[in-house]
All heavy atoms as atom14 arrays in JSON, in Angstrom:
{
  "sequence": "ACLILVFNGIGLAAFYRYDEALRDRIQYRQLIIDQV",
  "atom14_mask": [
    [1, 1, 1, 1, 1, 0, 0, 0, 0, 0, 0, 0, 0, 0],
    [1, 1, 1, 1, 1, 1, 0, 0, 0, 0, 0, 0, 0, 0],
    [1, 1, 1, 1, 1, 1, 1, 1, 0, 0, 0, 0, 0, 0],
    [1, 1, 1, 1, 1, 1, 1, 1, 0, 0, 0, 0, 0, 0],
    [1, 1, 1, 1, 1, 1, 1, 1, 0, 0, 0, 0, 0, 0],
    [1, 1, 1, 1, 1, 1, 1, 0, 0, 0, 0, 0, 0, 0],
    [1, 1, 1, 1, 1, 1, 1, 1, 1, 1, 1, 0, 0, 0],
    [1, 1, 1, 1, 1, 1, 1, 1, 0, 0, 0, 0, 0, 0],
    [1, 1, 1, 1, 0, 0, 0, 0, 0, 0, 0, 0, 0, 0],
    [1, 1, 1, 1, 1, 1, 1, 1, 0, 0, 0, 0, 0, 0],
    [1, 1, 1, 1, 0, 0, 0, 0, 0, 0, 0, 0, 0, 0],
    [1, 1, 1, 1, 1, 1, 1, 1, 0, 0, 0, 0, 0, 0],
    [1, 1, 1, 1, 1, 0, 0, 0, 0, 0, 0, 0, 0, 0],
    [1, 1, 1, 1, 1, 0, 0, 0, 0, 0, 0, 0, 0, 0],
    [1, 1, 1, 1, 1, 1, 1, 1, 1, 1, 1, 0, 0, 0],
    [1, 1, 1, 1, 1, 1, 1, 1, 1, 1, 1, 1, 0, 0],
    [1, 1, 1, 1, 1, 1, 1, 1, 1, 1, 1, 0, 0, 0],
    [1, 1, 1, 1, 1, 1, 1, 1, 1, 1, 1, 1, 0, 0],
    [1, 1, 1, 1, 1, 1, 1, 1, 0, 0, 0, 0, 0, 0],
    [1, 1, 1, 1, 1, 1, 1, 1, 1, 0, 0, 0, 0, 0],
    [1, 1, 1, 1, 1, 0, 0, 0, 0, 0, 0, 0, 0, 0],
    [1, 1, 1, 1, 1, 1, 1, 1, 0, 0, 0, 0, 0, 0],
    [1, 1, 1, 1, 1, 1, 1, 1, 1, 1, 1, 0, 0, 0],
    [1, 1, 1, 1, 1, 1, 1, 1, 0, 0, 0, 0, 0, 0],
    [1, 1, 1, 1, 1, 1, 1, 1, 1, 1, 1, 0, 0, 0],
    [1, 1, 1, 1, 1, 1, 1, 1, 0, 0, 0, 0, 0, 0],
    [1, 1, 1, 1, 1, 1, 1, 1, 1, 0, 0, 0, 0, 0],
    [1, 1, 1, 1, 1, 1, 1, 1, 1, 1, 1, 1, 0, 0],
    [1, 1, 1, 1, 1, 1, 1, 1, 1, 1, 1, 0, 0, 0],
    [1, 1, 1, 1, 1, 1, 1, 1, 1, 0, 0, 0, 0, 0],
    [1, 1, 1, 1, 1, 1, 1, 1, 0, 0, 0, 0, 0, 0],
    [1, 1, 1, 1, 1, 1, 1, 1, 0, 0, 0, 0, 0, 0],
    [1, 1, 1, 1, 1, 1, 1, 1, 0, 0, 0, 0, 0, 0],
    [1, 1, 1, 1, 1, 1, 1, 1, 0, 0, 0, 0, 0, 0],
    [1, 1, 1, 1, 1, 1, 1, 1, 1, 0, 0, 0, 0, 0],
    [1, 1, 1, 1, 1, 1, 1, 0, 0, 0, 0, 0, 0, 0]
  ],
  "atom14_positions": [
    [[2.2, -21.58, -36.06], [2.86, -22.28, -34.92], [3.94, -21.37, -34.3], [4.06, -21.3, -33.02], [3.47, -23.55, -35.36], [0.0, 0.0, 0.0], [0.0, 0.0, 0.0], [0.0, 0.0, 0.0], [0.0, 0.0, 0.0], [0.0, 0.0, 0.0], [0.0, 0.0, 0.0], [0.0, 0.0, 0.0], [0.0, 0.0, 0.0], [0.0, 0.0, 0.0]],
    [[4.68, -20.65, -35.1], [5.74, -19.71, -34.57], [5.09, -18.56, -33.84], [5.53, -18.22, -32.71], [6.56, -19.19, -35.73], [7.84, -18.03, -35.23], [0.0, 0.0, 0.0], [0.0, 0.0, 0.0], [0.0, 0.0, 0.0], [0.0, 0.0, 0.0], [0.0, 0.0, 0.0], [0.0, 0.0, 0.0], [0.0, 0.0, 0.0], [0.0, 0.0, 0.0]],
    [[3.93, -18.05, -34.34], [3.36, -16.93, -33.72], [2.8, -17.29, -32.31], [2.98, -16.62, -31.33], [2.17, -16.36, -34.59], [2.63, -15.53, -35.84], [1.38, -15.07, -36.59], [3.43, -14.31, -35.4], [0.0, 0.0, 0.0], [0.0, 0.0, 0.0], [0.0, 0.0, 0.0], [0.0, 0.0, 0.0], [0.0, 0.0, 0.0], [0.0, 0.0, 0.0]],
    [[2.08, -18.41, -32.26], [1.45, -18.84, -31.02], [2.52, -19.23, -30.05], [2.28, -19.03, -28.77], [0.43, -19.96, -31.29], [-0.47, -20.11, -30.03], [1.11, -21.23, -31.6], [-1.28, -18.88, -29.72], [0.0, 0.0, 0.0], [0.0, 0.0, 0.0], [0.0, 0.0, 0.0], [0.0, 0.0, 0.0], [0.0, 0.0, 0.0], [0.0, 0.0, 0.0]],
    [[3.65, -19.76, -30.49], [4.69, -20.11, -29.55], [5.27, -18.83, -28.94], [5.58, -18.83, -27.7], [5.84, -20.86, -30.33], [7.02, -21.35, -29.57], [6.64, -22.25, -28.5], [8.08, -21.96, -30.5], [0.0, 0.0, 0.0], [0.0, 0.0, 0.0], [0.0, 0.0, 0.0], [0.0, 0.0, 0.0], [0.0, 0.0, 0.0], [0.0, 0.0, 0.0]],
    [[5.45, -17.77, -29.74], [6.03, -16.49, -29.26], [4.98, -15.83, -28.27], [5.32, -15.38, -27.23], [6.45, -15.57, -30.4], [6.81, -14.23, -29.87], [7.61, -16.17, -31.13], [0.0, 0.0, 0.0], [0.0, 0.0, 0.0], [0.0, 0.0, 0.0], [0.0, 0.0, 0.0], [0.0, 0.0, 0.0], [0.0, 0.0, 0.0], [0.0, 0.0, 0.0]],
    [[3.74, -15.75, -28.74], [2.66, -15.17, -27.99], [2.55, -15.82, -26.59], [2.56, -15.12, -25.56], [1.33, -15.21, -28.7], [1.17, -14.3, -29.84], [0.12, -14.36, -30.7], [2.2, -13.33, -30.06], [-0.03, -13.39, -31.75], [2.08, -12.42, -31.15], [1.02, -12.5, -32.0], [0.0, 0.0, 0.0], [0.0, 0.0, 0.0], [0.0, 0.0, 0.0]],
    [[2.43, -17.12, -26.61], [2.17, -17.81, -25.33], [3.44, -17.93, -24.5], [3.34, -18.12, -23.25], [1.55, -19.15, -25.59], [0.06, -19.12, -25.71], [-0.54, -18.1, -25.66], [-0.54, -20.27, -25.87], [0.0, 0.0, 0.0], [0.0, 0.0, 0.0], [0.0, 0.0, 0.0], [0.0, 0.0, 0.0], [0.0, 0.0, 0.0], [0.0, 0.0, 0.0]],
    [[4.66, -17.88, -25.17], [5.85, -18.04, -24.45], [6.26, -16.8, -23.81], [6.25, -16.56, -22.63], [0.0, 0.0, 0.0], [0.0, 0.0, 0.0], [0.0, 0.0, 0.0], [0.0, 0.0, 0.0], [0.0, 0.0, 0.0], [0.0, 0.0, 0.0], [0.0, 0.0, 0.0], [0.0, 0.0, 0.0], [0.0, 0.0, 0.0], [0.0, 0.0, 0.0]],
    [[6.54, -15.76, -24.61], [6.96, -14.48, -24.15], [5.83, -13.69, -23.5], [5.98, -13.12, -22.42], [7.67, -13.67, -25.25], [8.95, -14.43, -25.75], [8.06, -12.29, -24.76], [9.64, -13.75, -26.88], [0.0, 0.0, 0.0], [0.0, 0.0, 0.0], [0.0, 0.0, 0.0], [0.0, 0.0, 0.0], [0.0, 0.0, 0.0], [0.0, 0.0, 0.0]],
    [[4.68, -13.7, -24.21], [3.57, -12.94, -23.66], [3.05, -13.4, -22.35], [2.79, -12.64, -21.38], [0.0, 0.0, 0.0], [0.0, 0.0, 0.0], [0.0, 0.0, 0.0], [0.0, 0.0, 0.0], [0.0, 0.0, 0.0], [0.0, 0.0, 0.0], [0.0, 0.0, 0.0], [0.0, 0.0, 0.0], [0.0, 0.0, 0.0], [0.0, 0.0, 0.0]],
    [[2.82, -14.71, -22.15], [2.42, -15.29, -20.93], [3.54, -15.16, -19.87], [3.16, -15.09, -18.66], [1.91, -16.76, -21.07], [0.59, -16.9, -21.79], [0.18, -18.32, -21.89], [-0.48, -16.1, -21.05], [0.0, 0.0, 0.0], [0.0, 0.0, 0.0], [0.0, 0.0, 0.0], [0.0, 0.0, 0.0], [0.0, 0.0, 0.0], [0.0, 0.0, 0.0]],
    [[4.74, -15.31, -20.26], [5.84, -15.16, -19.24], [5.71, -13.77, -18.67], [5.82, -13.6, -17.5], [7.17, -15.37, -19.93], [0.0, 0.0, 0.0], [0.0, 0.0, 0.0], [0.0, 0.0, 0.0], [0.0, 0.0, 0.0], [0.0, 0.0, 0.0], [0.0, 0.0, 0.0], [0.0, 0.0, 0.0], [0.0, 0.0, 0.0], [0.0, 0.0, 0.0]],
    [[5.54, -12.73, -19.57], [5.35, -11.37, -19.05], [4.12, -11.22, -18.16], [4.1, -10.58, -17.13], [5.31, -10.39, -20.18], [0.0, 0.0, 0.0], [0.0, 0.0, 0.0], [0.0, 0.0, 0.0], [0.0, 0.0, 0.0], [0.0, 0.0, 0.0], [0.0, 0.0, 0.0], [0.0, 0.0, 0.0], [0.0, 0.0, 0.0], [0.0, 0.0, 0.0]],
    [[3.05, -11.97, -18.6], [1.74, -11.93, -17.72], [2.07, -12.56, -16.35], [1.62, -12.05, -15.41], [0.69, -12.73, -18.46], [-0.56, -12.9, -17.63], [-1.42, -11.88, -17.51], [-0.8, -14.08, -16.94], [-2.69, -12.08, -16.77], [-1.89, -14.24, -16.26], [-2.84, -13.29, -16.17], [0.0, 0.0, 0.0], [0.0, 0.0, 0.0], [0.0, 0.0, 0.0]],
    [[2.71, -13.76, -16.35], [2.99, -14.34, -15.04], [3.91, -13.49, -14.23], [3.73, -13.51, -12.93], [3.57, -15.75, -15.29], [2.59, -16.8, -15.73], [2.8, -17.51, -16.93], [1.56, -17.07, -14.98], [1.86, -18.49, -17.26], [0.61, -18.06, -15.24], [0.81, -18.8, -16.45], [-0.14, -19.71, -16.78], [0.0, 0.0, 0.0], [0.0, 0.0, 0.0]],
    [[4.89, -12.9, -14.8], [5.78, -12.04, -13.98], [4.96, -10.82, -13.44], [5.23, -10.48, -12.32], [6.88, -11.49, -14.91], [7.86, -12.56, -15.53], [8.53, -13.43, -14.49], [7.76, -14.57, -14.09], [7.61, -15.65, -14.84], [8.18, -15.74, -16.01], [6.82, -16.67, -14.41], [0.0, 0.0, 0.0], [0.0, 0.0, 0.0], [0.0, 0.0, 0.0]],
    [[4.07, -10.26, -14.2], [3.21, -9.19, -13.7], [2.35, -9.65, -12.61], [2.2, -9.04, -11.61], [2.39, -8.63, -14.83], [1.38, -7.64, -14.41], [1.73, -6.29, -14.04], [0.02, -8.03, -14.21], [0.77, -5.4, -13.59], [-0.96, -7.08, -13.79], [-0.55, -5.85, -13.44], [-1.53, -4.9, -13.02], [0.0, 0.0, 0.0], [0.0, 0.0, 0.0]],
    [[1.76, -10.91, -12.77], [0.94, -11.46, -11.7], [1.66, -11.72, -10.47], [1.24, -11.44, -9.37], [0.31, -12.81, -12.2], [-0.64, -13.41, -11.26], [-1.66, -12.8, -11.01], [-0.36, -14.45, -10.63], [0.0, 0.0, 0.0], [0.0, 0.0, 0.0], [0.0, 0.0, 0.0], [0.0, 0.0, 0.0], [0.0, 0.0, 0.0], [0.0, 0.0, 0.0]],
    [[2.93, -12.19, -10.64], [3.78, -12.49, -9.44], [4.17, -11.14, -8.72], [4.16, -11.11, -7.5], [5.04, -13.24, -9.86], [4.74, -14.63, -10.12], [6.04, -15.46, -10.47], [7.08, -14.8, -10.52], [5.94, -16.66, -10.72], [0.0, 0.0, 0.0], [0.0, 0.0, 0.0], [0.0, 0.0, 0.0], [0.0, 0.0, 0.0], [0.0, 0.0, 0.0]],
    [[4.47, -10.19, -9.6], [4.86, -8.81, -9.01], [3.67, -8.22, -8.25], [3.84, -7.71, -7.21], [5.31, -7.9, -10.15], [0.0, 0.0, 0.0], [0.0, 0.0, 0.0], [0.0, 0.0, 0.0], [0.0, 0.0, 0.0], [0.0, 0.0, 0.0], [0.0, 0.0, 0.0], [0.0, 0.0, 0.0], [0.0, 0.0, 0.0], [0.0, 0.0, 0.0]],
    [[2.43, -8.38, -8.83], [1.33, -7.9, -8.17], [1.03, -8.59, -6.85], [0.75, -8.02, -5.78], [0.06, -8.08, -9.07], [-1.29, -7.57, -8.49], [-1.23, -6.04, -8.17], [-2.41, -7.85, -9.47], [0.0, 0.0, 0.0], [0.0, 0.0, 0.0], [0.0, 0.0, 0.0], [0.0, 0.0, 0.0], [0.0, 0.0, 0.0], [0.0, 0.0, 0.0]],
    [[1.17, -9.94, -6.87], [1.07, -10.79, -5.6], [2.16, -10.32, -4.66], [1.88, -10.25, -3.37], [1.21, -12.23, -5.93], [0.07, -12.79, -6.68], [0.28, -14.27, -7.05], [-0.79, -14.77, -7.9], [-1.84, -15.43, -7.34], [-1.9, -15.52, -6.0], [-2.78, -15.88, -8.12], [0.0, 0.0, 0.0], [0.0, 0.0, 0.0], [0.0, 0.0, 0.0]],
    [[3.34, -10.08, -5.04], [4.43, -9.62, -4.12], [4.14, -8.31, -3.54], [4.32, -8.13, -2.28], [5.72, -9.54, -4.89], [6.3, -10.9, -5.23], [5.83, -11.89, -4.64], [7.16, -11.0, -6.2], [0.0, 0.0, 0.0], [0.0, 0.0, 0.0], [0.0, 0.0, 0.0], [0.0, 0.0, 0.0], [0.0, 0.0, 0.0], [0.0, 0.0, 0.0]],
    [[3.47, -7.37, -4.31], [3.16, -6.09, -3.74], [2.05, -6.29, -2.71], [2.06, -5.6, -1.65], [2.68, -5.15, -4.86], [3.78, -4.59, -5.77], [3.39, -3.41, -6.5], [2.29, -3.74, -7.47], [2.47, -4.07, -8.73], [3.74, -4.21, -9.16], [1.51, -4.34, -9.49], [0.0, 0.0, 0.0], [0.0, 0.0, 0.0], [0.0, 0.0, 0.0]],
    [[1.1, -7.11, -3.02], [-0.01, -7.37, -2.03], [0.57, -8.01, -0.74], [0.21, -7.67, 0.39], [-1.13, -8.19, -2.63], [-1.77, -7.49, -3.79], [-2.07, -8.68, -1.56], [-2.75, -8.38, -4.6], [0.0, 0.0, 0.0], [0.0, 0.0, 0.0], [0.0, 0.0, 0.0], [0.0, 0.0, 0.0], [0.0, 0.0, 0.0], [0.0, 0.0, 0.0]],
    [[1.45, -8.99, -0.92], [2.12, -9.65, 0.19], [2.95, -8.63, 0.98], [2.91, -8.72, 2.2], [3.0, -10.75, -0.37], [3.59, -11.64, 0.82], [4.36, -12.77, 0.24], [4.58, -12.89, -0.95], [4.9, -13.62, 1.1], [0.0, 0.0, 0.0], [0.0, 0.0, 0.0], [0.0, 0.0, 0.0], [0.0, 0.0, 0.0], [0.0, 0.0, 0.0]],
    [[3.59, -7.73, 0.25], [4.47, -6.77, 1.0], [3.53, -5.78, 1.8], [3.85, -5.51, 2.93], [5.26, -6.01, 0.01], [6.05, -4.92, 0.63], [7.17, -5.23, 1.53], [5.78, -3.59, 0.41], [7.87, -4.2, 2.03], [6.55, -2.55, 0.98], [7.59, -2.85, 1.79], [8.29, -1.9, 2.41], [0.0, 0.0, 0.0], [0.0, 0.0, 0.0]],
    [[2.46, -5.37, 1.25], [1.56, -4.55, 1.99], [0.95, -5.31, 3.2], [0.82, -4.72, 4.25], [0.4, -4.16, 1.09], [0.79, -3.11, 0.01], [-0.39, -2.73, -0.89], [0.01, -1.77, -1.87], [-0.83, -1.25, -2.85], [-2.05, -1.65, -2.76], [-0.34, -0.48, -3.76], [0.0, 0.0, 0.0], [0.0, 0.0, 0.0], [0.0, 0.0, 0.0]],
    [[0.59, -6.54, 3.03], [0.19, -7.37, 4.16], [1.29, -7.44, 5.25], [1.04, -7.47, 6.46], [-0.25, -8.75, 3.71], [-0.82, -9.61, 4.78], [-2.11, -8.96, 5.42], [-2.93, -8.47, 4.71], [-2.19, -8.97, 6.74], [0.0, 0.0, 0.0], [0.0, 0.0, 0.0], [0.0, 0.0, 0.0], [0.0, 0.0, 0.0], [0.0, 0.0, 0.0]],
    [[2.55, -7.57, 4.73], [3.64, -7.67, 5.65], [3.79, -6.45, 6.45], [4.11, -6.48, 7.69], [4.98, -7.91, 4.86], [6.21, -7.84, 5.64], [6.31, -9.08, 6.59], [7.49, -7.94, 4.69], [0.0, 0.0, 0.0], [0.0, 0.0, 0.0], [0.0, 0.0, 0.0], [0.0, 0.0, 0.0], [0.0, 0.0, 0.0], [0.0, 0.0, 0.0]],
    [[3.67, -5.21, 5.84], [3.68, -4.04, 6.51], [2.63, -3.93, 7.66], [2.91, -3.53, 8.81], [3.55, -2.8, 5.61], [4.71, -2.75, 4.67], [3.52, -1.5, 6.35], [6.1, -2.56, 5.27], [0.0, 0.0, 0.0], [0.0, 0.0, 0.0], [0.0, 0.0, 0.0], [0.0, 0.0, 0.0], [0.0, 0.0, 0.0], [0.0, 0.0, 0.0]],
    [[1.44, -4.39, 7.25], [0.35, -4.43, 8.29], [0.71, -5.33, 9.41], [0.53, -5.0, 10.58], [-0.99, -4.9, 7.58], [-1.45, -3.82, 6.58], [-2.05, -5.06, 8.63], [-2.64, -4.28, 5.73], [0.0, 0.0, 0.0], [0.0, 0.0, 0.0], [0.0, 0.0, 0.0], [0.0, 0.0, 0.0], [0.0, 0.0, 0.0], [0.0, 0.0, 0.0]],
    [[1.23, -6.57, 9.11], [1.64, -7.47, 10.09], [2.65, -6.85, 11.0], [2.75, -7.09, 12.24], [2.07, -8.77, 9.5], [0.92, -9.62, 8.84], [-0.21, -9.25, 9.19], [1.2, -10.46, 8.0], [0.0, 0.0, 0.0], [0.0, 0.0, 0.0], [0.0, 0.0, 0.0], [0.0, 0.0, 0.0], [0.0, 0.0, 0.0], [0.0, 0.0, 0.0]],
    [[3.65, -6.19, 10.39], [4.69, -5.51, 11.14], [4.21, -4.46, 12.11], [4.74, -4.33, 13.2], [5.78, -5.0, 10.21], [6.59, -6.04, 9.46], [7.5, -5.43, 8.51], [7.5, -4.23, 8.27], [8.42, -6.25, 8.01], [0.0, 0.0, 0.0], [0.0, 0.0, 0.0], [0.0, 0.0, 0.0], [0.0, 0.0, 0.0], [0.0, 0.0, 0.0]],
    [[3.19, -3.75, 11.69], [2.59, -2.78, 12.57], [2.04, -3.39, 13.77], [2.32, -3.06, 14.9], [1.53, -1.98, 11.79], [0.74, -1.03, 12.76], [2.13, -1.13, 10.73], [0.0, 0.0, 0.0], [0.0, 0.0, 0.0], [0.0, 0.0, 0.0], [0.0, 0.0, 0.0], [0.0, 0.0, 0.0], [0.0, 0.0, 0.0], [0.0, 0.0, 0.0]]
  ]
}
């Protein structure tokens, strides 16, 4: 129970942050295109 709590808590939090960062980078690139 402790292991799965840590894996899914911290591990997935890092995964979601990475996913959000990737989405932000894509959004930023799209923003540059829109700005052009």
